[in-house]
């Protein structure tokens, strides 16, 4: 589980794996793709932002942020809602 801080922009876009070819940046499926020098970061250059595009089966998550940290690594692969509840407690 990741914790993003100082989030500047966050978007969820419906996009399946076949649609990745039409994305404005080269994106690999099912991974965290960091875009270096993206258009979205220029307006916020003073903050030294990072842009990640995260692709899943039918959705793309775009996060423009300053920092990110690993909160927990669930090596057992338990249900996501239980992992989240464990962190929030």
N, C-alpha and C. Protein backbone atom coordinates (compact mmCIF):
# COMPACT_ATOMS: atom_id res chain seq x y z
N UNK A 1 0.84 -1.15 0.00
CA UNK A 1 0.00 0.00 0.00
C UNK A 1 0.90 1.23 0.00
N UNK A 2 0.58 2.15 -0.86
CA UNK A 2 1.35 3.38 -1.00
C UNK A 2 0.59 4.57 -0.42
N UNK A 3 1.33 5.52 0.10
CA UNK A 3 0.74 6.75 0.61
C UNK A 3 1.35 7.92 -0.16
N UNK A 4 0.51 8.61 -0.92
CA UNK A 4 0.94 9.77 -1.68
C UNK A 4 0.71 11.01 -0.83
N UNK A 5 1.69 11.92 -0.84
CA UNK A 5 1.57 13.18 -0.11
C UNK A 5 1.71 14.34 -1.08
N UNK A 6 1.11 15.45 -0.69
CA UNK A 6 1.15 16.65 -1.53
C UNK A 6 0.67 16.31 -2.94
N UNK A 7 -0.50 15.71 -3.02
CA UNK A 7 -1.08 15.35 -4.32
C UNK A 7 -1.59 16.61 -5.00
N UNK A 8 -1.12 16.84 -6.20
CA UNK A 8 -1.48 18.02 -6.98
C UNK A 8 -2.67 17.71 -7.88
N UNK A 9 -2.68 16.51 -8.45
CA UNK A 9 -3.77 16.10 -9.34
C UNK A 9 -3.91 14.58 -9.27
N UNK A 10 -5.15 14.13 -9.39
CA UNK A 10 -5.46 12.70 -9.34
C UNK A 10 -6.59 12.44 -10.31
N UNK A 11 -6.41 11.48 -11.21
CA UNK A 11 -7.45 11.17 -12.20
C UNK A 11 -7.60 9.67 -12.35
N UNK A 12 -8.83 9.26 -12.57
CA UNK A 12 -9.13 7.87 -12.90
C UNK A 12 -9.79 7.88 -14.26
N UNK A 13 -9.20 7.16 -15.20
CA UNK A 13 -9.69 7.14 -16.57
C UNK A 13 -10.02 5.71 -16.98
N UNK A 14 -11.24 5.46 -17.49
CA UNK A 14 -11.53 4.12 -18.00
C UNK A 14 -10.64 3.84 -19.21
N UNK A 15 -9.85 2.79 -19.12
CA UNK A 15 -8.97 2.44 -20.23
C UNK A 15 -8.54 0.99 -20.06
N UNK A 16 -8.82 0.18 -21.08
CA UNK A 16 -8.38 -1.21 -21.00
C UNK A 16 -6.98 -1.33 -21.59
N UNK A 17 -6.42 -2.52 -21.53
CA UNK A 17 -5.05 -2.75 -21.98
C UNK A 17 -4.87 -2.39 -23.45
N UNK A 18 -5.85 -2.70 -24.28
CA UNK A 18 -5.75 -2.37 -25.70
C UNK A 18 -5.71 -0.85 -25.92
N UNK A 19 -6.35 -0.10 -25.04
CA UNK A 19 -6.39 1.35 -25.16
C UNK A 19 -5.09 2.04 -24.79
N UNK A 20 -4.17 1.32 -24.15
CA UNK A 20 -2.91 1.92 -23.74
C UNK A 20 -2.10 2.43 -24.92
N UNK A 21 -2.31 1.83 -26.08
CA UNK A 21 -1.58 2.26 -27.29
C UNK A 21 -1.91 3.71 -27.63
N UNK A 22 -3.11 4.15 -27.29
CA UNK A 22 -3.54 5.51 -27.59
C UNK A 22 -3.23 6.52 -26.50
N UNK A 23 -2.58 6.08 -25.45
CA UNK A 23 -2.23 6.98 -24.34
C UNK A 23 -1.20 8.02 -24.80
N UNK A 24 -1.25 9.20 -24.22
CA UNK A 24 -0.35 10.28 -24.62
C UNK A 24 1.11 10.02 -24.24
N UNK A 25 1.36 9.05 -23.35
CA UNK A 25 2.71 8.66 -22.97
C UNK A 25 2.84 7.15 -23.15
N UNK A 26 4.05 6.64 -23.39
CA UNK A 26 4.22 5.18 -23.46
C UNK A 26 3.93 4.56 -22.08
N UNK A 27 2.99 3.63 -22.06
CA UNK A 27 2.57 3.01 -20.80
C UNK A 27 2.60 1.50 -20.96
N UNK A 28 3.18 0.84 -19.97
CA UNK A 28 3.18 -0.62 -19.95
C UNK A 28 2.03 -1.08 -19.06
N UNK A 29 1.36 -2.16 -19.45
CA UNK A 29 0.20 -2.62 -18.67
C UNK A 29 0.59 -3.20 -17.31
N UNK A 30 -0.26 -2.97 -16.34
CA UNK A 30 -0.21 -3.55 -15.00
C UNK A 30 1.03 -3.18 -14.21
N UNK A 31 1.59 -2.01 -14.47
CA UNK A 31 2.76 -1.55 -13.73
C UNK A 31 2.64 -0.07 -13.41
N UNK A 32 3.54 0.41 -12.57
CA UNK A 32 3.65 1.83 -12.26
C UNK A 32 4.58 2.44 -13.29
N UNK A 33 4.07 3.37 -14.07
CA UNK A 33 4.85 4.03 -15.11
C UNK A 33 5.13 5.46 -14.66
N UNK A 34 6.40 5.82 -14.53
CA UNK A 34 6.73 7.20 -14.17
C UNK A 34 7.05 7.96 -15.45
N UNK A 35 6.42 9.11 -15.59
CA UNK A 35 6.63 9.96 -16.76
C UNK A 35 7.61 11.07 -16.37
N UNK A 36 8.74 11.10 -17.04
CA UNK A 36 9.76 12.12 -16.79
C UNK A 36 9.58 13.25 -17.81
N UNK A 37 9.51 14.47 -17.33
CA UNK A 37 9.39 15.62 -18.24
C UNK A 37 8.02 15.76 -18.88
N UNK A 38 6.99 15.24 -18.22
CA UNK A 38 5.64 15.34 -18.76
C UNK A 38 5.10 16.76 -18.73
N UNK A 39 4.20 17.03 -19.63
CA UNK A 39 3.58 18.36 -19.74
C UNK A 39 2.91 18.78 -18.43
N UNK A 40 2.32 17.83 -17.72
CA UNK A 40 1.60 18.13 -16.48
C UNK A 40 2.52 18.65 -15.38
N UNK A 41 3.79 18.29 -15.42
CA UNK A 41 4.71 18.69 -14.35
C UNK A 41 5.29 20.09 -14.54
N UNK A 42 5.24 20.63 -15.74
CA UNK A 42 5.89 21.92 -16.00
C UNK A 42 5.26 23.08 -15.23
N UNK A 43 3.95 23.07 -15.08
CA UNK A 43 3.27 24.15 -14.35
C UNK A 43 3.66 24.15 -12.87
N UNK A 44 4.01 22.99 -12.35
CA UNK A 44 4.32 22.83 -10.93
C UNK A 44 5.82 22.60 -10.69
N UNK A 45 6.63 22.99 -11.63
CA UNK A 45 8.07 22.70 -11.64
C UNK A 45 8.77 23.06 -10.32
N UNK A 46 8.36 24.15 -9.69
CA UNK A 46 8.98 24.60 -8.45
C UNK A 46 8.81 23.57 -7.32
N UNK A 47 7.77 22.74 -7.40
CA UNK A 47 7.50 21.72 -6.38
C UNK A 47 8.22 20.40 -6.65
N UNK A 48 8.88 20.31 -7.81
CA UNK A 48 9.57 19.08 -8.21
C UNK A 48 8.61 17.87 -8.20
N UNK A 49 7.49 17.98 -8.90
CA UNK A 49 6.48 16.91 -8.86
C UNK A 49 6.88 15.69 -9.68
N UNK A 50 6.21 14.59 -9.39
CA UNK A 50 6.37 13.35 -10.14
C UNK A 50 5.00 12.96 -10.70
N UNK A 51 5.01 12.34 -11.86
CA UNK A 51 3.77 11.89 -12.50
C UNK A 51 3.86 10.39 -12.69
N UNK A 52 2.93 9.68 -12.08
CA UNK A 52 2.84 8.23 -12.26
C UNK A 52 1.54 7.91 -12.97
N UNK A 53 1.61 7.01 -13.93
CA UNK A 53 0.44 6.43 -14.59
C UNK A 53 0.42 4.96 -14.21
N UNK A 54 -0.64 4.54 -13.56
CA UNK A 54 -0.75 3.18 -13.05
C UNK A 54 -1.88 2.50 -13.80
N UNK A 55 -1.56 1.43 -14.53
CA UNK A 55 -2.58 0.78 -15.34
C UNK A 55 -3.05 -0.52 -14.70
N UNK A 56 -4.35 -0.72 -14.78
CA UNK A 56 -4.99 -1.96 -14.34
C UNK A 56 -5.75 -2.52 -15.53
N UNK A 57 -6.57 -3.54 -15.33
CA UNK A 57 -7.28 -4.16 -16.45
C UNK A 57 -8.14 -3.17 -17.23
N UNK A 58 -8.96 -2.40 -16.54
CA UNK A 58 -9.92 -1.52 -17.21
C UNK A 58 -9.87 -0.07 -16.76
N UNK A 59 -8.80 0.32 -16.10
CA UNK A 59 -8.71 1.68 -15.59
C UNK A 59 -7.25 2.13 -15.52
N UNK A 60 -7.06 3.43 -15.73
CA UNK A 60 -5.75 4.05 -15.59
C UNK A 60 -5.84 5.09 -14.49
N UNK A 61 -4.93 5.03 -13.53
CA UNK A 61 -4.87 6.02 -12.47
C UNK A 61 -3.66 6.91 -12.73
N UNK A 62 -3.90 8.22 -12.72
CA UNK A 62 -2.83 9.19 -12.92
C UNK A 62 -2.68 9.99 -11.63
N UNK A 63 -1.46 10.06 -11.12
CA UNK A 63 -1.21 10.80 -9.89
C UNK A 63 -0.04 11.75 -10.11
N UNK A 64 -0.28 13.03 -9.89
CA UNK A 64 0.76 14.04 -9.92
C UNK A 64 0.99 14.44 -8.46
N UNK A 65 2.19 14.22 -7.96
CA UNK A 65 2.43 14.35 -6.52
C UNK A 65 3.87 14.77 -6.25
N UNK A 66 4.14 15.08 -4.96
CA UNK A 66 5.50 15.42 -4.55
C UNK A 66 6.22 14.23 -3.94
N UNK A 67 5.58 13.50 -3.03
CA UNK A 67 6.25 12.38 -2.37
C UNK A 67 5.33 11.17 -2.27
N UNK A 68 5.96 10.01 -2.15
CA UNK A 68 5.23 8.76 -1.97
C UNK A 68 6.04 7.88 -1.03
N UNK A 69 5.34 7.08 -0.23
CA UNK A 69 6.03 6.15 0.67
C UNK A 69 5.27 4.83 0.71
N UNK A 70 6.00 3.78 1.02
CA UNK A 70 5.41 2.45 1.17
C UNK A 70 4.91 2.33 2.60
N UNK A 71 3.61 2.11 2.76
CA UNK A 71 3.01 2.00 4.08
C UNK A 71 3.10 0.56 4.57
N UNK A 72 2.75 -0.37 3.71
CA UNK A 72 2.78 -1.79 4.08
C UNK A 72 2.91 -2.61 2.81
N UNK A 73 3.61 -3.72 2.93
CA UNK A 73 3.72 -4.67 1.82
C UNK A 73 3.05 -5.95 2.28
N UNK A 74 1.95 -6.30 1.66
CA UNK A 74 1.19 -7.50 2.03
C UNK A 74 1.71 -8.68 1.22
N UNK A 75 2.74 -9.33 1.73
CA UNK A 75 3.36 -10.46 1.02
C UNK A 75 2.42 -11.66 0.94
N UNK A 76 1.43 -11.72 1.83
CA UNK A 76 0.51 -12.85 1.84
C UNK A 76 -0.57 -12.71 0.77
N UNK A 77 -0.75 -11.53 0.24
CA UNK A 77 -1.75 -11.33 -0.80
C UNK A 77 -3.17 -11.45 -0.30
N UNK A 78 -3.43 -10.95 0.89
CA UNK A 78 -4.77 -11.00 1.45
C UNK A 78 -5.72 -10.08 0.72
N UNK A 79 -7.01 -10.12 1.09
CA UNK A 79 -8.00 -9.25 0.46
C UNK A 79 -7.62 -7.77 0.66
N UNK A 80 -7.71 -6.97 -0.39
CA UNK A 80 -7.31 -5.56 -0.29
C UNK A 80 -8.04 -4.79 0.80
N UNK A 81 -9.34 -5.07 0.99
CA UNK A 81 -10.09 -4.30 1.99
C UNK A 81 -9.59 -4.60 3.40
N UNK A 82 -9.14 -5.83 3.66
CA UNK A 82 -8.62 -6.17 4.99
C UNK A 82 -7.26 -5.51 5.22
N UNK A 83 -6.44 -5.46 4.19
CA UNK A 83 -5.15 -4.78 4.30
C UNK A 83 -5.37 -3.30 4.60
N UNK A 84 -6.29 -2.67 3.88
CA UNK A 84 -6.59 -1.26 4.09
C UNK A 84 -7.10 -1.01 5.51
N UNK A 85 -8.02 -1.84 5.97
CA UNK A 85 -8.57 -1.68 7.32
C UNK A 85 -7.48 -1.83 8.37
N UNK A 86 -6.54 -2.75 8.15
CA UNK A 86 -5.44 -2.93 9.09
C UNK A 86 -4.56 -1.70 9.19
N UNK A 87 -4.35 -1.02 8.10
CA UNK A 87 -3.53 0.19 8.09
C UNK A 87 -4.27 1.35 8.74
N UNK A 88 -5.57 1.45 8.50
CA UNK A 88 -6.35 2.57 9.02
C UNK A 88 -6.60 2.48 10.52
N UNK A 89 -6.47 1.32 11.10
CA UNK A 89 -6.74 1.16 12.54
C UNK A 89 -5.65 1.73 13.37
